[in-house]
Amino acid sequence: MSSITEIQDITVHSNVPGEYKLYVEAWLGDRIQKQAATSEEPAEFTDGLCYASTYVSEPPPANTDKLVNLIYELNTVGLFDWIDADMDLI
């Protein structure tokens, strides 16, 4: 599971009653390998910008801080399948 270092954007969509789509853009820690490992040094990684979405059945909180906390919680339980947005860096 990737750890979120900074959330860039959260968008909530609801086209069907009782179904809410959360779209998230975030920086994830140690996502992109900058330098390969050598016999003397381990590989070096940097954060990478990624995006993901998931559906929830309960209305997400309107309070921004609570919404951000929900995103961290959903990420902790593995509900996001992150996709790299910084393809130029890979």
PDB file of N, CA and C in Angstrom:
ATOM      1  N   MET A   1       0.834  -1.173   0.000  1.00  0.00           N
ATOM      2  CA  MET A   1       0.000   0.000   0.000  1.00  0.00           C
ATOM      3  C   MET A   1       0.886   1.246   0.000  1.00  0.00           C
ATOM      4  N   SER A   2       0.539   2.193  -0.813  1.00  0.00           N
ATOM      5  CA  SER A   2       1.290   3.435  -0.907  1.00  0.00           C
ATOM      6  C   SER A   2       0.806   4.431   0.136  1.00  0.00           C
ATOM      7  N   SER A   3       1.753   5.167   0.712  1.00  0.00           N
ATOM      8  CA  SER A   3       1.369   6.160   1.711  1.00  0.00           C
ATOM      9  C   SER A   3       1.214   7.534   1.054  1.00  0.00           C
ATOM     10  N   ILE A   4       0.158   8.221   1.415  1.00  0.00           N
ATOM     11  CA  ILE A   4      -0.117   9.557   0.883  1.00  0.00           C
ATOM     12  C   ILE A   4       0.756  10.558   1.635  1.00  0.00           C
ATOM     13  N   THR A   5       1.503  11.375   0.877  1.00  0.00           N
ATOM     14  CA  THR A   5       2.289  12.434   1.508  1.00  0.00           C
ATOM     15  C   THR A   5       1.584  13.785   1.410  1.00  0.00           C
ATOM     16  N   GLU A   6       0.779  13.973   0.355  1.00  0.00           N
ATOM     17  CA  GLU A   6       0.033  15.232   0.198  1.00  0.00           C
ATOM     18  C   GLU A   6      -1.125  15.014  -0.762  1.00  0.00           C
ATOM     19  N   ILE A   7      -2.311  15.452  -0.372  1.00  0.00           N
ATOM     20  CA  ILE A   7      -3.479  15.371  -1.248  1.00  0.00           C
ATOM     21  C   ILE A   7      -3.571  16.661  -2.049  1.00  0.00           C
ATOM     22  N   GLN A   8      -3.647  16.515  -3.363  1.00  0.00           N
ATOM     23  CA  GLN A   8      -3.745  17.672  -4.262  1.00  0.00           C
ATOM     24  C   GLN A   8      -5.199  18.082  -4.488  1.00  0.00           C
ATOM     25  N   ASP A   9      -6.083  17.078  -4.707  1.00  0.00           N
ATOM     26  CA  ASP A   9      -7.460  17.395  -5.066  1.00  0.00           C
ATOM     27  C   ASP A   9      -8.364  16.221  -4.716  1.00  0.00           C
ATOM     28  N   ILE A  10      -9.571  16.534  -4.287  1.00  0.00           N
ATOM     29  CA  ILE A  10     -10.607  15.526  -4.051  1.00  0.00           C
ATOM     30  C   ILE A  10     -11.878  16.009  -4.742  1.00  0.00           C
ATOM     31  N   THR A  11     -12.471  15.150  -5.545  1.00  0.00           N
ATOM     32  CA  THR A  11     -13.723  15.467  -6.211  1.00  0.00           C
ATOM     33  C   THR A  11     -14.746  14.397  -5.849  1.00  0.00           C
ATOM     34  N   VAL A  12     -15.949  14.823  -5.515  1.00  0.00           N
ATOM     35  CA  VAL A  12     -17.024  13.896  -5.158  1.00  0.00           C
ATOM     36  C   VAL A  12     -18.124  14.021  -6.207  1.00  0.00           C
ATOM     37  N   HIS A  13     -18.537  12.876  -6.771  1.00  0.00           N
ATOM     38  CA  HIS A  13     -19.639  12.823  -7.733  1.00  0.00           C
ATOM     39  C   HIS A  13     -20.696  11.880  -7.203  1.00  0.00           C
ATOM     40  N   SER A  14     -21.967  12.224  -7.453  1.00  0.00           N
ATOM     41  CA  SER A  14     -23.061  11.322  -7.094  1.00  0.00           C
ATOM     42  C   SER A  14     -24.117  11.392  -8.182  1.00  0.00           C
ATOM     43  N   ASN A  15     -24.141  10.379  -9.050  1.00  0.00           N
ATOM     44  CA  ASN A  15     -25.143  10.312 -10.111  1.00  0.00           C
ATOM     45  C   ASN A  15     -26.274   9.359  -9.759  1.00  0.00           C
ATOM     46  N   VAL A  16     -26.020   8.480  -8.788  1.00  0.00           N
ATOM     47  CA  VAL A  16     -26.997   7.471  -8.377  1.00  0.00           C
ATOM     48  C   VAL A  16     -27.226   7.633  -6.875  1.00  0.00           C
ATOM     49  N   PRO A  17     -28.474   7.660  -6.436  1.00  0.00           N
ATOM     50  CA  PRO A  17     -28.719   7.770  -4.991  1.00  0.00           C
ATOM     51  C   PRO A  17     -28.022   6.638  -4.221  1.00  0.00           C
ATOM     52  N   GLY A  18     -27.350   7.016  -3.142  1.00  0.00           N
ATOM     53  CA  GLY A  18     -26.665   6.029  -2.314  1.00  0.00           C
ATOM     54  C   GLY A  18     -25.325   5.570  -2.847  1.00  0.00           C
ATOM     55  N   GLU A  19     -24.804   6.231  -3.889  1.00  0.00           N
ATOM     56  CA  GLU A  19     -23.497   5.876  -4.443  1.00  0.00           C
ATOM     57  C   GLU A  19     -22.707   7.158  -4.699  1.00  0.00           C
ATOM     58  N   TYR A  20     -21.538   7.248  -4.091  1.00  0.00           N
ATOM     59  CA  TYR A  20     -20.705   8.446  -4.184  1.00  0.00           C
ATOM     60  C   TYR A  20     -19.325   8.048  -4.688  1.00  0.00           C
ATOM     61  N   LYS A  21     -18.902   8.685  -5.784  1.00  0.00           N
ATOM     62  CA  LYS A  21     -17.576   8.415  -6.337  1.00  0.00           C
ATOM     63  C   LYS A  21     -16.603   9.462  -5.804  1.00  0.00           C
ATOM     64  N   LEU A  22     -15.519   8.977  -5.207  1.00  0.00           N
ATOM     65  CA  LEU A  22     -14.449   9.854  -4.733  1.00  0.00           C
ATOM     66  C   LEU A  22     -13.276   9.740  -5.689  1.00  0.00           C
ATOM     67  N   TYR A  23     -12.885  10.860  -6.293  1.00  0.00           N
ATOM     68  CA  TYR A  23     -11.718  10.910  -7.175  1.00  0.00           C
ATOM     69  C   TYR A  23     -10.647  11.708  -6.445  1.00  0.00           C
ATOM     70  N   VAL A  24      -9.448  11.142  -6.329  1.00  0.00           N
ATOM     71  CA  VAL A  24      -8.389  11.764  -5.544  1.00  0.00           C
ATOM     72  C   VAL A  24      -7.112  11.862  -6.363  1.00  0.00           C
ATOM     73  N   GLU A  25      -6.464  13.027  -6.307  1.00  0.00           N
ATOM     74  CA  GLU A  25      -5.106  13.200  -6.832  1.00  0.00           C
ATOM     75  C   GLU A  25      -4.219  13.467  -5.625  1.00  0.00           C
ATOM     76  N   ALA A  26      -3.123  12.712  -5.525  1.00  0.00           N
ATOM     77  CA  ALA A  26      -2.273  12.832  -4.346  1.00  0.00           C
ATOM     78  C   ALA A  26      -0.836  12.455  -4.678  1.00  0.00           C
ATOM     79  N   TRP A  27       0.064  12.988  -3.878  1.00  0.00           N
ATOM     80  CA  TRP A  27       1.469  12.594  -3.939  1.00  0.00           C
ATOM     81  C   TRP A  27       1.654  11.399  -3.021  1.00  0.00           C
ATOM     82  N   LEU A  28       2.257  10.344  -3.558  1.00  0.00           N
ATOM     83  CA  LEU A  28       2.504   9.135  -2.783  1.00  0.00           C
ATOM     84  C   LEU A  28       3.999   8.986  -2.534  1.00  0.00           C
ATOM     85  N   GLY A  29       4.352   8.577  -1.333  1.00  0.00           N
ATOM     86  CA  GLY A  29       5.749   8.439  -0.955  1.00  0.00           C
ATOM     87  C   GLY A  29       6.437   7.275  -1.638  1.00  0.00           C
ATOM     88  N   ASP A  30       7.702   7.501  -1.991  1.00  0.00           N
ATOM     89  CA  ASP A  30       8.565   6.467  -2.579  1.00  0.00           C
ATOM     90  C   ASP A  30       7.916   5.757  -3.766  1.00  0.00           C
ATOM     91  N   ARG A  31       7.330   6.529  -4.655  1.00  0.00           N
ATOM     92  CA  ARG A  31       6.587   5.960  -5.786  1.00  0.00           C
ATOM     93  C   ARG A  31       7.472   5.750  -7.013  1.00  0.00           C
ATOM     94  N   ILE A  32       8.438   6.647  -7.240  1.00  0.00           N
ATOM     95  CA  ILE A  32       9.234   6.615  -8.463  1.00  0.00           C
ATOM     96  C   ILE A  32      10.699   6.338  -8.117  1.00  0.00           C
ATOM     97  N   GLN A  33      11.274   5.358  -8.782  1.00  0.00           N
ATOM     98  CA  GLN A  33      12.687   5.040  -8.553  1.00  0.00           C
ATOM     99  C   GLN A  33      13.551   6.034  -9.322  1.00  0.00           C
ATOM    100  N   LYS A  34      14.377   6.776  -8.585  1.00  0.00           N
ATOM    101  CA  LYS A  34      15.265   7.769  -9.188  1.00  0.00           C
ATOM    102  C   LYS A  34      16.600   7.156  -9.579  1.00  0.00           C
ATOM    103  N   GLN A  35      17.057   6.202  -8.771  1.00  0.00           N
ATOM    104  CA  GLN A  35      18.373   5.621  -9.000  1.00  0.00           C
ATOM    105  C   GLN A  35      18.326   4.146  -8.614  1.00  0.00           C
ATOM    106  N   ALA A  36      18.870   3.317  -9.474  1.00  0.00           N
ATOM    107  CA  ALA A  36      18.890   1.877  -9.204  1.00  0.00           C
ATOM    108  C   ALA A  36      19.868   1.557  -8.074  1.00  0.00           C
ATOM    109  N   ALA A  37      19.634   0.454  -7.445  1.00  0.00           N
ATOM    110  CA  ALA A  37      20.522   0.007  -6.370  1.00  0.00           C
ATOM    111  C   ALA A  37      21.866  -0.429  -6.957  1.00  0.00           C
ATOM    112  N   THR A  38      22.895  -0.219  -6.179  1.00  0.00           N
ATOM    113  CA  THR A  38      24.233  -0.705  -6.541  1.00  0.00           C
ATOM    114  C   THR A  38      24.697  -1.633  -5.429  1.00  0.00           C
ATOM    115  N   SER A  39      25.878  -2.182  -5.590  1.00  0.00           N
ATOM    116  CA  SER A  39      26.404  -3.074  -4.547  1.00  0.00           C
ATOM    117  C   SER A  39      26.714  -2.299  -3.270  1.00  0.00           C
ATOM    118  N   GLU A  40      26.900  -0.969  -3.380  1.00  0.00           N
ATOM    119  CA  GLU A  40      27.207  -0.151  -2.203  1.00  0.00           C
ATOM    120  C   GLU A  40      26.019   0.635  -1.661  1.00  0.00           C
ATOM    121  N   GLU A  41      25.044   0.946  -2.527  1.00  0.00           N
ATOM    122  CA  GLU A  41      23.941   1.831  -2.137  1.00  0.00           C
ATOM    123  C   GLU A  41      22.592   1.206  -2.486  1.00  0.00           C
ATOM    124  N   PRO A  42      21.598   1.419  -1.628  1.00  0.00           N
ATOM    125  CA  PRO A  42      20.243   0.950  -1.973  1.00  0.00           C
ATOM    126  C   PRO A  42      19.627   1.861  -3.051  1.00  0.00           C
ATOM    127  N   ALA A  43      18.557   1.413  -3.660  1.00  0.00           N
ATOM    128  CA  ALA A  43      17.853   2.224  -4.655  1.00  0.00           C
ATOM    129  C   ALA A  43      17.326   3.497  -4.002  1.00  0.00           C
ATOM    130  N   GLU A  44      17.223   4.559  -4.803  1.00  0.00           N
ATOM    131  CA  GLU A  44      16.709   5.839  -4.308  1.00  0.00           C
ATOM    132  C   GLU A  44      15.365   6.105  -4.970  1.00  0.00           C
ATOM    133  N   PHE A  45      14.380   6.486  -4.146  1.00  0.00           N
ATOM    134  CA  PHE A  45      13.030   6.738  -4.637  1.00  0.00           C
ATOM    135  C   PHE A  45      12.602   8.159  -4.306  1.00  0.00           C
ATOM    136  N   THR A  46      11.576   8.652  -5.016  1.00  0.00           N
ATOM    137  CA  THR A  46      10.993   9.960  -4.750  1.00  0.00           C
ATOM    138  C   THR A  46       9.467   9.838  -4.801  1.00  0.00           C
ATOM    139  N   ASP A  47       8.784  10.850  -4.299  1.00  0.00           N
ATOM    140  CA  ASP A  47       7.330  10.876  -4.341  1.00  0.00           C
ATOM    141  C   ASP A  47       6.857  10.984  -5.783  1.00  0.00           C
ATOM    142  N   GLY A  48       5.647  10.496  -6.041  1.00  0.00           N
ATOM    143  CA  GLY A  48       5.057  10.592  -7.372  1.00  0.00           C
ATOM    144  C   GLY A  48       3.604  11.003  -7.292  1.00  0.00           C
ATOM    145  N   LEU A  49       3.168  11.813  -8.264  1.00  0.00           N
ATOM    146  CA  LEU A  49       1.774  12.242  -8.332  1.00  0.00           C
ATOM    147  C   LEU A  49       0.939  11.120  -8.935  1.00  0.00           C
ATOM    148  N   CYS A  50      -0.142  10.757  -8.251  1.00  0.00           N
ATOM    149  CA  CYS A  50      -0.999   9.648  -8.678  1.00  0.00           C
ATOM    150  C   CYS A  50      -2.460  10.049  -8.546  1.00  0.00           C
ATOM    151  N   TYR A  51      -3.317   9.229  -9.158  1.00  0.00           N
ATOM    152  CA  TYR A  51      -4.752   9.446  -8.989  1.00  0.00           C
ATOM    153  C   TYR A  51      -5.443   8.104  -8.800  1.00  0.00           C
ATOM    154  N   ALA A  52      -6.600   8.165  -8.185  1.00  0.00           N
ATOM    155  CA  ALA A  52      -7.396   6.966  -7.936  1.00  0.00           C
ATOM    156  C   ALA A  52      -8.827   7.381  -7.649  1.00  0.00           C
ATOM    157  N   SER A  53      -9.720   6.412  -7.750  1.00  0.00           N
ATOM    158  CA  SER A  53     -11.110   6.677  -7.379  1.00  0.00           C
ATOM    159  C   SER A  53     -11.684   5.429  -6.725  1.00  0.00           C
ATOM    160  N   THR A  54     -12.718   5.637  -5.963  1.00  0.00           N
ATOM    161  CA  THR A  54     -13.451   4.545  -5.330  1.00  0.00           C
ATOM    162  C   THR A  54     -14.881   5.008  -5.079  1.00  0.00           C
ATOM    163  N   TYR A  55     -15.736   4.059  -4.801  1.00  0.00           N
ATOM    164  CA  TYR A  55     -17.136   4.359  -4.502  1.00  0.00           C
ATOM    165  C   TYR A  55     -17.421   4.078  -3.037  1.00  0.00           C
ATOM    166  N   VAL A  56     -18.254   4.925  -2.436  1.00  0.00           N
ATOM    167  CA  VAL A  56     -18.721   4.716  -1.074  1.00  0.00           C
ATOM    168  C   VAL A  56     -20.241   4.858  -1.071  1.00  0.00           C
ATOM    169  N   SER A  57     -20.885   4.195  -0.114  1.00  0.00           N
ATOM    170  CA  SER A  57     -22.350   4.245  -0.063  1.00  0.00           C
ATOM    171  C   SER A  57     -22.871   5.333   0.868  1.00  0.00           C
ATOM    172  N   GLU A  58     -22.041   5.766   1.807  1.00  0.00           N
ATOM    173  CA  GLU A  58     -22.445   6.836   2.722  1.00  0.00           C
ATOM    174  C   GLU A  58     -22.008   8.188   2.146  1.00  0.00           C
ATOM    175  N   PRO A  59     -22.795   9.244   2.338  1.00  0.00           N
ATOM    176  CA  PRO A  59     -22.379  10.565   1.854  1.00  0.00           C
ATOM    177  C   PRO A  59     -21.061  10.981   2.513  1.00  0.00           C
ATOM    178  N   PRO A  60     -20.070  11.395   1.710  1.00  0.00           N
ATOM    179  CA  PRO A  60     -18.808  11.858   2.293  1.00  0.00           C
ATOM    180  C   PRO A  60     -19.039  13.145   3.082  1.00  0.00           C
ATOM    181  N   PRO A  61     -18.206  13.408   4.087  1.00  0.00           N
ATOM    182  CA  PRO A  61     -18.382  14.631   4.878  1.00  0.00           C
ATOM    183  C   PRO A  61     -18.183  15.887   4.035  1.00  0.00           C
ATOM    184  N   ALA A  62     -18.962  16.914   4.333  1.00  0.00           N
ATOM    185  CA  ALA A  62     -18.825  18.202   3.640  1.00  0.00           C
ATOM    186  C   ALA A  62     -17.639  18.992   4.177  1.00  0.00           C
ATOM    187  N   ASN A  63     -17.270  18.740   5.421  1.00  0.00           N
ATOM    188  CA  ASN A  63     -16.125  19.400   6.046  1.00  0.00           C
ATOM    189  C   ASN A  63     -14.836  18.898   5.390  1.00  0.00           C
ATOM    190  N   THR A  64     -14.018  19.823   4.888  1.00  0.00           N
ATOM    191  CA  THR A  64     -12.799  19.461   4.165  1.00  0.00           C
ATOM    192  C   THR A  64     -11.847  18.618   4.995  1.00  0.00           C
ATOM    193  N   ASP A  65     -11.621  18.984   6.244  1.00  0.00           N
ATOM    194  CA  ASP A  65     -10.696  18.218   7.089  1.00  0.00           C
ATOM    195  C   ASP A  65     -11.196  16.792   7.297  1.00  0.00           C
ATOM    196  N   LYS A  66     -12.493  16.635   7.501  1.00  0.00           N
ATOM    197  CA  LYS A  66     -13.061  15.303   7.686  1.00  0.00           C
ATOM    198  C   LYS A  66     -13.005  14.486   6.398  1.00  0.00           C
ATOM    199  N   LEU A  67     -13.173  15.161   5.261  1.00  0.00           N
ATOM    200  CA  LEU A  67     -13.074  14.483   3.967  1.00  0.00           C
ATOM    201  C   LEU A  67     -11.649  13.985   3.732  1.00  0.00           C
ATOM    202  N   VAL A  68     -10.666  14.822   4.045  1.00  0.00           N
ATOM    203  CA  VAL A  68      -9.266  14.424   3.914  1.00  0.00           C
ATOM    204  C   VAL A  68      -8.977  13.231   4.826  1.00  0.00           C
ATOM    205  N   ASN A  69      -9.478  13.269   6.052  1.00  0.00           N
ATOM    206  CA  ASN A  69      -9.283  12.145   6.973  1.00  0.00           C
ATOM    207  C   ASN A  69      -9.917  10.864   6.424  1.00  0.00           C
ATOM    208  N   LEU A  70     -11.082  10.991   5.787  1.00  0.00           N
ATOM    209  CA  LEU A  70     -11.729   9.831   5.177  1.00  0.00           C
ATOM    210  C   LEU A  70     -10.853   9.240   4.073  1.00  0.00           C
ATOM    211  N   ILE A  71     -10.236  10.093   3.261  1.00  0.00           N
ATOM    212  CA  ILE A  71      -9.362   9.615   2.184  1.00  0.00           C
ATOM    213  C   ILE A  71      -8.184   8.837   2.766  1.00  0.00           C
ATOM    214  N   TYR A  72      -7.550   9.376   3.804  1.00  0.00           N
ATOM    215  CA  TYR A  72      -6.451   8.660   4.454  1.00  0.00           C
ATOM    216  C   TYR A  72      -6.924   7.314   5.003  1.00  0.00           C
ATOM    217  N   GLU A  73      -8.110   7.293   5.610  1.00  0.00           N
ATOM    218  CA  GLU A  73      -8.649   6.055   6.174  1.00  0.00           C
ATOM    219  C   GLU A  73      -8.930   5.024   5.081  1.00  0.00           C
ATOM    220  N   LEU A  74      -9.547   5.463   3.977  1.00  0.00           N
ATOM    221  CA  LEU A  74      -9.842   4.550   2.878  1.00  0.00           C
ATOM    222  C   LEU A  74      -8.559   4.020   2.242  1.00  0.00           C
ATOM    223  N   ASN A  75      -7.534   4.854   2.178  1.00  0.00           N
ATOM    224  CA  ASN A  75      -6.256   4.409   1.638  1.00  0.00           C
ATOM    225  C   ASN A  75      -5.610   3.367   2.556  1.00  0.00           C
ATOM    226  N   THR A  76      -5.741   3.577   3.864  1.00  0.00           N
ATOM    227  CA  THR A  76      -5.164   2.647   4.833  1.00  0.00           C
ATOM    228  C   THR A  76      -5.760   1.244   4.695  1.00  0.00           C
ATOM    229  N   VAL A  77      -7.047   1.171   4.386  1.00  0.00           N
ATOM    230  CA  VAL A  77      -7.681  -0.143   4.237  1.00  0.00           C
ATOM    231  C   VAL A  77      -7.593  -0.674   2.807  1.00  0.00           C
ATOM    232  N   GLY A  78      -6.905   0.058   1.931  1.00  0.00           N
ATOM    233  CA  GLY A  78      -6.620  -0.439   0.587  1.00  0.00           C
ATOM    234  C   GLY A  78      -7.727  -0.284  -0.436  1.00  0.00           C
ATOM    235  N   LEU A  79      -8.580   0.730  -0.291  1.00  0.00           N
ATOM    236  CA  LEU A  79      -9.671   0.908  -1.249  1.00  0.00           C
ATOM    237  C   LEU A  79      -9.279   1.687  -2.507  1.00  0.00           C
ATOM    238  N   PHE A  80      -8.062   2.184  -2.570  1.00  0.00           N
ATOM    239  CA  PHE A  80      -7.607   2.907  -3.761  1.00  0.00           C
ATOM    240  C   PHE A  80      -6.583   2.090  -4.528  1.00  0.00           C
ATOM    241  N   ASP A  81      -6.742   2.042  -5.836  1.00  0.00           N
ATOM    242  CA  ASP A  81      -5.759   1.432  -6.724  1.00  0.00           C
ATOM    243  C   ASP A  81      -5.099   2.587  -7.483  1.00  0.00           C
ATOM    244  N   TRP A  82      -3.950   3.035  -6.973  1.00  0.00           N
ATOM    245  CA  TRP A  82      -3.312   4.252  -7.467  1.00  0.00           C
ATOM    246  C   TRP A  82      -2.694   4.050  -8.846  1.00  0.00           C
ATOM    247  N   ILE A  83      -2.843   5.075  -9.690  1.00  0.00           N
ATOM    248  CA  ILE A  83      -2.270   5.099 -11.047  1.00  0.00           C
ATOM    249  C   ILE A  83      -1.339   6.296 -11.132  1.00  0.00           C
ATOM    250  N   ASP A  84      -0.151   6.087 -11.679  1.00  0.00           N
ATOM    251  CA  ASP A  84       0.832   7.165 -11.793  1.00  0.00           C
ATOM    252  C   ASP A  84       0.369   8.230 -12.779  1.00  0.00           C
ATOM    253  N   ALA A  85       0.421   9.484 -12.358  1.00  0.00           N
ATOM    254  CA  ALA A  85       0.069  10.614 -13.226  1.00  0.00           C
ATOM    255  C   ALA A  85       1.325  11.224 -13.839  1.00  0.00           C
ATOM    256  N   ASP A  86       2.469  11.093 -13.166  1.00  0.00           N
ATOM    257  CA  ASP A  86       3.738  11.654 -13.623  1.00  0.00           C
ATOM    258  C   ASP A  86       4.463  10.664 -14.537  1.00  0.00           C
ATOM    259  N   MET A  87       3.879  10.341 -15.657  1.00  0.00           N
ATOM    260  CA  MET A  87       4.470   9.341 -16.541  1.00  0.00           C
ATOM    261  C   MET A  87       5.819   9.777 -17.103  1.00  0.00           C
ATOM    262  N   ASP A  88       6.080  11.080 -17.195  1.00  0.00           N
ATOM    263  CA  ASP A  88       7.376  11.566 -17.694  1.00  0.00           C
ATOM    264  C   ASP A  88       8.512  11.220 -16.746  1.00  0.00           C
ATOM    265  N   LEU A  89       8.211  11.022 -15.472  1.00  0.00           N
ATOM    266  CA  LEU A  89       9.250  10.752 -14.479  1.00  0.00           C
ATOM    267  C   LEU A  89       9.578   9.282 -14.344  1.00  0.00           C
ATOM    268  N   ILE A  90       8.787   8.429 -14.969  1.00  0.00           N
ATOM    269  CA  ILE A  90       8.989   6.985 -14.809  1.00  0.00           C
ATOM    270  C   ILE A  90       9.964   6.478 -15.847  1.00  0.00           C
TER     271      ILE A  90
END
